[in-house]
Structure formats: C-alpha cells, structure tokens
Amino acid sequence: MPEGLSNTLREHRQHRKMTQAQLAEAVSVSRKTINTIENGVFTPSTILALKLARVFDCTVEDLFILE
C-alpha cells in the first residue's frame, strides 16, 4: 500500500472464518485481488472499499488506516 496506509482486512476476514475466495465472491472480485489488498500491494477503489466494509459491517476506516 502507499506509504502511511495499512489495512486490517486479513484480521477481519479471519475473525469471520472466511477464506480469501469467499470474501472475493462476496464483493465480486478475484481471490488474487483480496490477496494483493491484504499484502499491501493494491489499494482498492472507493467502491470496493465500501463493499468490503459492508461485508464486515464496519466502516472503511476500520479496514484502512492512514498512519
């Protein structure tokens, strides 16, 4: 992720006992997309970030943190 941006996507996903594939299906992206977000390689669009927050019933700020 860009310098100063981190995420808690993996923690939220594991807490819900979801696989990357299950989360990807829930937000209509590939498993690889979820993997690259979790590893800080890819920054999701606003729409995807909102979809991810909806899956976990949290805010975007709960998933993505400006450090």
PDB file of N, CA and C in Angstrom:
ATOM      1  N   MET A   1       0.848  -1.172   0.000  1.00  0.00           N
ATOM      2  CA  MET A   1       0.000   0.000   0.000  1.00  0.00           C
ATOM      3  C   MET A   1       0.897   1.240   0.000  1.00  0.00           C
ATOM      4  N   PRO A   2       0.330   2.346  -0.406  1.00  0.00           N
ATOM      5  CA  PRO A   2       1.121   3.570  -0.365  1.00  0.00           C
ATOM      6  C   PRO A   2       1.632   3.821   1.047  1.00  0.00           C
ATOM      7  N   GLU A   3       2.749   4.502   1.109  1.00  0.00           N
ATOM      8  CA  GLU A   3       3.339   4.789   2.411  1.00  0.00           C
ATOM      9  C   GLU A   3       2.310   5.454   3.317  1.00  0.00           C
ATOM     10  N   GLY A   4       2.217   4.960   4.547  1.00  0.00           N
ATOM     11  CA  GLY A   4       1.305   5.525   5.517  1.00  0.00           C
ATOM     12  C   GLY A   4      -0.097   4.939   5.503  1.00  0.00           C
ATOM     13  N   LEU A   5      -0.339   3.926   4.633  1.00  0.00           N
ATOM     14  CA  LEU A   5      -1.651   3.299   4.586  1.00  0.00           C
ATOM     15  C   LEU A   5      -1.507   1.820   4.927  1.00  0.00           C
ATOM     16  N   SER A   6      -2.292   1.369   5.878  1.00  0.00           N
ATOM     17  CA  SER A   6      -2.288  -0.055   6.229  1.00  0.00           C
ATOM     18  C   SER A   6      -3.734  -0.535   6.259  1.00  0.00           C
ATOM     19  N   ASN A   7      -3.898  -1.856   6.431  1.00  0.00           N
ATOM     20  CA  ASN A   7      -5.264  -2.373   6.478  1.00  0.00           C
ATOM     21  C   ASN A   7      -5.367  -3.541   7.448  1.00  0.00           C
ATOM     22  N   THR A   8      -6.589  -3.783   7.865  1.00  0.00           N
ATOM     23  CA  THR A   8      -6.891  -4.875   8.796  1.00  0.00           C
ATOM     24  C   THR A   8      -7.804  -5.903   8.138  1.00  0.00           C
ATOM     25  N   LEU A   9      -7.766  -5.947   6.816  1.00  0.00           N
ATOM     26  CA  LEU A   9      -8.653  -6.832   6.075  1.00  0.00           C
ATOM     27  C   LEU A   9      -8.459  -8.296   6.469  1.00  0.00           C
ATOM     28  N   ARG A  10      -7.208  -8.746   6.550  1.00  0.00           N
ATOM     29  CA  ARG A  10      -6.940 -10.143   6.900  1.00  0.00           C
ATOM     30  C   ARG A  10      -7.519 -10.486   8.271  1.00  0.00           C
ATOM     31  N   GLU A  11      -7.335  -9.592   9.230  1.00  0.00           N
ATOM     32  CA  GLU A  11      -7.834  -9.843  10.578  1.00  0.00           C
ATOM     33  C   GLU A  11      -9.358  -9.943  10.592  1.00  0.00           C
ATOM     34  N   HIS A  12     -10.012  -9.020   9.878  1.00  0.00           N
ATOM     35  CA  HIS A  12     -11.472  -9.070   9.807  1.00  0.00           C
ATOM     36  C   HIS A  12     -11.931 -10.363   9.132  1.00  0.00           C
ATOM     37  N   ARG A  13     -11.263 -10.736   8.061  1.00  0.00           N
ATOM     38  CA  ARG A  13     -11.638 -11.946   7.323  1.00  0.00           C
ATOM     39  C   ARG A  13     -11.450 -13.193   8.184  1.00  0.00           C
ATOM     40  N   GLN A  14     -10.328 -13.291   8.866  1.00  0.00           N
ATOM     41  CA  GLN A  14     -10.055 -14.458   9.695  1.00  0.00           C
ATOM     42  C   GLN A  14     -11.010 -14.520  10.886  1.00  0.00           C
ATOM     43  N   HIS A  15     -11.358 -13.373  11.434  1.00  0.00           N
ATOM     44  CA  HIS A  15     -12.303 -13.339  12.547  1.00  0.00           C
ATOM     45  C   HIS A  15     -13.656 -13.928  12.125  1.00  0.00           C
ATOM     46  N   ARG A  16     -14.038 -13.678  10.876  1.00  0.00           N
ATOM     47  CA  ARG A  16     -15.292 -14.219  10.338  1.00  0.00           C
ATOM     48  C   ARG A  16     -15.133 -15.633   9.784  1.00  0.00           C
ATOM     49  N   LYS A  17     -13.903 -16.167   9.877  1.00  0.00           N
ATOM     50  CA  LYS A  17     -13.600 -17.513   9.370  1.00  0.00           C
ATOM     51  C   LYS A  17     -13.929 -17.637   7.873  1.00  0.00           C
ATOM     52  N   MET A  18     -13.550 -16.591   7.141  1.00  0.00           N
ATOM     53  CA  MET A  18     -13.765 -16.572   5.694  1.00  0.00           C
ATOM     54  C   MET A  18     -12.438 -16.824   4.989  1.00  0.00           C
ATOM     55  N   THR A  19     -12.506 -17.507   3.870  1.00  0.00           N
ATOM     56  CA  THR A  19     -11.321 -17.642   3.026  1.00  0.00           C
ATOM     57  C   THR A  19     -11.248 -16.413   2.121  1.00  0.00           C
ATOM     58  N   GLN A  20     -10.091 -16.234   1.501  1.00  0.00           N
ATOM     59  CA  GLN A  20      -9.958 -15.152   0.540  1.00  0.00           C
ATOM     60  C   GLN A  20     -10.949 -15.347  -0.607  1.00  0.00           C
ATOM     61  N   ALA A  21     -11.131 -16.583  -1.022  1.00  0.00           N
ATOM     62  CA  ALA A  21     -12.059 -16.873  -2.119  1.00  0.00           C
ATOM     63  C   ALA A  21     -13.496 -16.515  -1.740  1.00  0.00           C
ATOM     64  N   GLN A  22     -13.895 -16.811  -0.517  1.00  0.00           N
ATOM     65  CA  GLN A  22     -15.254 -16.488  -0.079  1.00  0.00           C
ATOM     66  C   GLN A  22     -15.469 -14.975  -0.038  1.00  0.00           C
ATOM     67  N   LEU A  23     -14.474 -14.256   0.473  1.00  0.00           N
ATOM     68  CA  LEU A  23     -14.582 -12.801   0.527  1.00  0.00           C
ATOM     69  C   LEU A  23     -14.612 -12.229  -0.890  1.00  0.00           C
ATOM     70  N   ALA A  24     -13.764 -12.754  -1.747  1.00  0.00           N
ATOM     71  CA  ALA A  24     -13.727 -12.287  -3.137  1.00  0.00           C
ATOM     72  C   ALA A  24     -15.083 -12.462  -3.798  1.00  0.00           C
ATOM     73  N   GLU A  25     -15.697 -13.598  -3.592  1.00  0.00           N
ATOM     74  CA  GLU A  25     -17.017 -13.853  -4.175  1.00  0.00           C
ATOM     75  C   GLU A  25     -18.052 -12.877  -3.629  1.00  0.00           C
ATOM     76  N   ALA A  26     -17.965 -12.574  -2.345  1.00  0.00           N
ATOM     77  CA  ALA A  26     -18.935 -11.680  -1.711  1.00  0.00           C
ATOM     78  C   ALA A  26     -18.885 -10.264  -2.275  1.00  0.00           C
ATOM     79  N   VAL A  27     -17.705  -9.851  -2.774  1.00  0.00           N
ATOM     80  CA  VAL A  27     -17.568  -8.486  -3.298  1.00  0.00           C
ATOM     81  C   VAL A  27     -17.294  -8.466  -4.803  1.00  0.00           C
ATOM     82  N   SER A  28     -17.430  -9.622  -5.444  1.00  0.00           N
ATOM     83  CA  SER A  28     -17.315  -9.749  -6.903  1.00  0.00           C
ATOM     84  C   SER A  28     -15.951  -9.347  -7.464  1.00  0.00           C
ATOM     85  N   VAL A  29     -14.895  -9.847  -6.828  1.00  0.00           N
ATOM     86  CA  VAL A  29     -13.533  -9.679  -7.350  1.00  0.00           C
ATOM     87  C   VAL A  29     -12.841 -11.037  -7.308  1.00  0.00           C
ATOM     88  N   SER A  30     -11.615 -11.094  -7.780  1.00  0.00           N
ATOM     89  CA  SER A  30     -10.863 -12.349  -7.746  1.00  0.00           C
ATOM     90  C   SER A  30     -10.207 -12.550  -6.378  1.00  0.00           C
ATOM     91  N   ARG A  31      -9.874 -13.793  -6.084  1.00  0.00           N
ATOM     92  CA  ARG A  31      -9.153 -14.092  -4.852  1.00  0.00           C
ATOM     93  C   ARG A  31      -7.822 -13.363  -4.840  1.00  0.00           C
ATOM     94  N   LYS A  32      -7.190 -13.267  -5.999  1.00  0.00           N
ATOM     95  CA  LYS A  32      -5.899 -12.575  -6.089  1.00  0.00           C
ATOM     96  C   LYS A  32      -6.027 -11.100  -5.701  1.00  0.00           C
ATOM     97  N   THR A  33      -7.145 -10.482  -6.043  1.00  0.00           N
ATOM     98  CA  THR A  33      -7.360  -9.086  -5.650  1.00  0.00           C
ATOM     99  C   THR A  33      -7.387  -8.959  -4.136  1.00  0.00           C
ATOM    100  N   ILE A  34      -8.099  -9.857  -3.468  1.00  0.00           N
ATOM    101  CA  ILE A  34      -8.142  -9.831  -1.994  1.00  0.00           C
ATOM    102  C   ILE A  34      -6.734 -10.029  -1.439  1.00  0.00           C
ATOM    103  N   ASN A  35      -5.998 -10.976  -2.016  1.00  0.00           N
ATOM    104  CA  ASN A  35      -4.629 -11.246  -1.565  1.00  0.00           C
ATOM    105  C   ASN A  35      -3.748 -10.006  -1.705  1.00  0.00           C
ATOM    106  N   THR A  36      -3.835  -9.323  -2.838  1.00  0.00           N
ATOM    107  CA  THR A  36      -2.972  -8.148  -3.041  1.00  0.00           C
ATOM    108  C   THR A  36      -3.359  -6.992  -2.125  1.00  0.00           C
ATOM    109  N   ILE A  37      -4.646  -6.877  -1.803  1.00  0.00           N
ATOM    110  CA  ILE A  37      -5.051  -5.843  -0.844  1.00  0.00           C
ATOM    111  C   ILE A  37      -4.492  -6.177   0.532  1.00  0.00           C
ATOM    112  N   GLU A  38      -4.681  -7.423   0.975  1.00  0.00           N
ATOM    113  CA  GLU A  38      -4.194  -7.826   2.303  1.00  0.00           C
ATOM    114  C   GLU A  38      -2.691  -7.638   2.437  1.00  0.00           C
ATOM    115  N   ASN A  39      -1.961  -7.862   1.357  1.00  0.00           N
ATOM    116  CA  ASN A  39      -0.500  -7.753   1.401  1.00  0.00           C
ATOM    117  C   ASN A  39       0.021  -6.354   1.098  1.00  0.00           C
ATOM    118  N   GLY A  40      -0.882  -5.400   0.940  1.00  0.00           N
ATOM    119  CA  GLY A  40      -0.466  -4.022   0.744  1.00  0.00           C
ATOM    120  C   GLY A  40       0.081  -3.706  -0.633  1.00  0.00           C
ATOM    121  N   VAL A  41      -0.187  -4.565  -1.608  1.00  0.00           N
ATOM    122  CA  VAL A  41       0.297  -4.359  -2.968  1.00  0.00           C
ATOM    123  C   VAL A  41      -0.676  -3.501  -3.770  1.00  0.00           C
ATOM    124  N   PHE A  42      -1.959  -3.597  -3.450  1.00  0.00           N
ATOM    125  CA  PHE A  42      -3.014  -2.935  -4.224  1.00  0.00           C
ATOM    126  C   PHE A  42      -3.910  -2.141  -3.290  1.00  0.00           C
ATOM    127  N   THR A  43      -4.222  -0.918  -3.690  1.00  0.00           N
ATOM    128  CA  THR A  43      -5.175  -0.091  -2.952  1.00  0.00           C
ATOM    129  C   THR A  43      -6.516  -0.177  -3.664  1.00  0.00           C
ATOM    130  N   PRO A  44      -7.561  -0.620  -2.985  1.00  0.00           N
ATOM    131  CA  PRO A  44      -8.852  -0.794  -3.650  1.00  0.00           C
ATOM    132  C   PRO A  44      -9.510   0.538  -3.989  1.00  0.00           C
ATOM    133  N   SER A  45     -10.403   0.482  -4.949  1.00  0.00           N
ATOM    134  CA  SER A  45     -11.210   1.658  -5.286  1.00  0.00           C
ATOM    135  C   SER A  45     -12.128   1.980  -4.106  1.00  0.00           C
ATOM    136  N   THR A  46     -12.690   3.148  -4.145  1.00  0.00           N
ATOM    137  CA  THR A  46     -13.644   3.537  -3.110  1.00  0.00           C
ATOM    138  C   THR A  46     -14.826   2.580  -3.083  1.00  0.00           C
ATOM    139  N   ILE A  47     -15.312   2.208  -4.247  1.00  0.00           N
ATOM    140  CA  ILE A  47     -16.460   1.297  -4.317  1.00  0.00           C
ATOM    141  C   ILE A  47     -16.121  -0.049  -3.681  1.00  0.00           C
ATOM    142  N   LEU A  48     -14.944  -0.593  -4.011  1.00  0.00           N
ATOM    143  CA  LEU A  48     -14.552  -1.880  -3.430  1.00  0.00           C
ATOM    144  C   LEU A  48     -14.338  -1.753  -1.926  1.00  0.00           C
ATOM    145  N   ALA A  49     -13.738  -0.672  -1.478  1.00  0.00           N
ATOM    146  CA  ALA A  49     -13.544  -0.472  -0.038  1.00  0.00           C
ATOM    147  C   ALA A  49     -14.885  -0.424   0.686  1.00  0.00           C
ATOM    148  N   LEU A  50     -15.870   0.232   0.093  1.00  0.00           N
ATOM    149  CA  LEU A  50     -17.200   0.299   0.698  1.00  0.00           C
ATOM    150  C   LEU A  50     -17.869  -1.070   0.716  1.00  0.00           C
ATOM    151  N   LYS A  51     -17.710  -1.843  -0.355  1.00  0.00           N
ATOM    152  CA  LYS A  51     -18.260  -3.202  -0.385  1.00  0.00           C
ATOM    153  C   LYS A  51     -17.623  -4.077   0.690  1.00  0.00           C
ATOM    154  N   LEU A  52     -16.309  -3.968   0.862  1.00  0.00           N
ATOM    155  CA  LEU A  52     -15.617  -4.746   1.894  1.00  0.00           C
ATOM    156  C   LEU A  52     -16.116  -4.359   3.280  1.00  0.00           C
ATOM    157  N   ALA A  53     -16.272  -3.068   3.525  1.00  0.00           N
ATOM    158  CA  ALA A  53     -16.772  -2.606   4.822  1.00  0.00           C
ATOM    159  C   ALA A  53     -18.185  -3.131   5.070  1.00  0.00           C
ATOM    160  N   ARG A  54     -18.990  -3.180   4.038  1.00  0.00           N
ATOM    161  CA  ARG A  54     -20.363  -3.684   4.176  1.00  0.00           C
ATOM    162  C   ARG A  54     -20.359  -5.164   4.574  1.00  0.00           C
ATOM    163  N   VAL A  55     -19.470  -5.956   3.967  1.00  0.00           N
ATOM    164  CA  VAL A  55     -19.382  -7.383   4.294  1.00  0.00           C
ATOM    165  C   VAL A  55     -19.084  -7.572   5.784  1.00  0.00           C
ATOM    166  N   PHE A  56     -18.197  -6.734   6.313  1.00  0.00           N
ATOM    167  CA  PHE A  56     -17.780  -6.880   7.712  1.00  0.00           C
ATOM    168  C   PHE A  56     -18.584  -6.001   8.670  1.00  0.00           C
ATOM    169  N   ASP A  57     -19.586  -5.306   8.143  1.00  0.00           N
ATOM    170  CA  ASP A  57     -20.434  -4.447   8.967  1.00  0.00           C
ATOM    171  C   ASP A  57     -19.591  -3.490   9.801  1.00  0.00           C
ATOM    172  N   CYS A  58     -18.691  -2.795   9.109  1.00  0.00           N
ATOM    173  CA  CYS A  58     -17.819  -1.829   9.774  1.00  0.00           C
ATOM    174  C   CYS A  58     -17.621  -0.641   8.840  1.00  0.00           C
ATOM    175  N   THR A  59     -16.857   0.323   9.263  1.00  0.00           N
ATOM    176  CA  THR A  59     -16.562   1.475   8.413  1.00  0.00           C
ATOM    177  C   THR A  59     -15.309   1.201   7.587  1.00  0.00           C
ATOM    178  N   VAL A  60     -15.150   1.956   6.523  1.00  0.00           N
ATOM    179  CA  VAL A  60     -13.928   1.855   5.712  1.00  0.00           C
ATOM    180  C   VAL A  60     -12.717   2.159   6.582  1.00  0.00           C
ATOM    181  N   GLU A  61     -12.880   3.103   7.502  1.00  0.00           N
ATOM    182  CA  GLU A  61     -11.779   3.470   8.392  1.00  0.00           C
ATOM    183  C   GLU A  61     -11.392   2.341   9.344  1.00  0.00           C
ATOM    184  N   ASP A  62     -12.308   1.411   9.594  1.00  0.00           N
ATOM    185  CA  ASP A  62     -11.966   0.235  10.400  1.00  0.00           C
ATOM    186  C   ASP A  62     -11.076  -0.719   9.612  1.00  0.00           C
ATOM    187  N   LEU A  63     -11.184  -0.703   8.285  1.00  0.00           N
ATOM    188  CA  LEU A  63     -10.402  -1.590   7.442  1.00  0.00           C
ATOM    189  C   LEU A  63      -9.102  -0.973   6.952  1.00  0.00           C
ATOM    190  N   PHE A  64      -9.140   0.325   6.653  1.00  0.00           N
ATOM    191  CA  PHE A  64      -7.972   1.007   6.070  1.00  0.00           C
ATOM    192  C   PHE A  64      -7.577   2.174   6.962  1.00  0.00           C
ATOM    193  N   ILE A  65      -6.303   2.213   7.331  1.00  0.00           N
ATOM    194  CA  ILE A  65      -5.828   3.175   8.305  1.00  0.00           C
ATOM    195  C   ILE A  65      -4.727   4.037   7.721  1.00  0.00           C
ATOM    196  N   LEU A  66      -4.894   5.356   7.815  1.00  0.00           N
ATOM    197  CA  LEU A  66      -3.817   6.279   7.478  1.00  0.00           C
ATOM    198  C   LEU A  66      -2.942   6.386   8.715  1.00  0.00           C
ATOM    199  N   GLU A  67      -1.676   6.058   8.564  1.00  0.00           N
ATOM    200  CA  GLU A  67      -0.788   6.074   9.733  1.00  0.00           C
ATOM    201  C   GLU A  67      -0.124   7.420   9.907  1.00  0.00           C
TER     202      GLU A  67
END
